[in-house]
């Protein structure tokens, strides 16, 4: 006589094929819904760098207005100071005036100097007056 094997608990009945298909269809629908809700990333416009350098003893106000009509960005550059500005590449109008100057429509950003800033490029925009001179070291 053979020794008897310990009995193992009965296996649960195999899942029906329709239940498995339903699970796969549900998972696929969930993934599809997630994929449709995802917005494609917008490719950022490559930037240009502009270093604005003030070589004078005056405070300068610089405005950079995009040609597309968006509001201008404005900065004040202190005497003998500089500022690095990173903007999307494109067409702009740049206006520079001493900060003490009274604003006028003749000096609105739309009347500024036209500039084209190329993607990935770096520019230097010096600010000076006729009497500007390099800083003298103190004696």
Foldseek 3Di string as FASTA:
>chain_A
DDDDDDDDDDDDDDDDPVVVVVVVVVVVVVVVVVVVVDDDDDDDQFKEKEKEFELAQFKKKKWKAAPVGDHIDIDIAHHRGIDIDIDGFAKIFMFMDGPPDDDDPCRPSVNGHIDGGDGPYYYYHYHDDPPGDHDDDDD
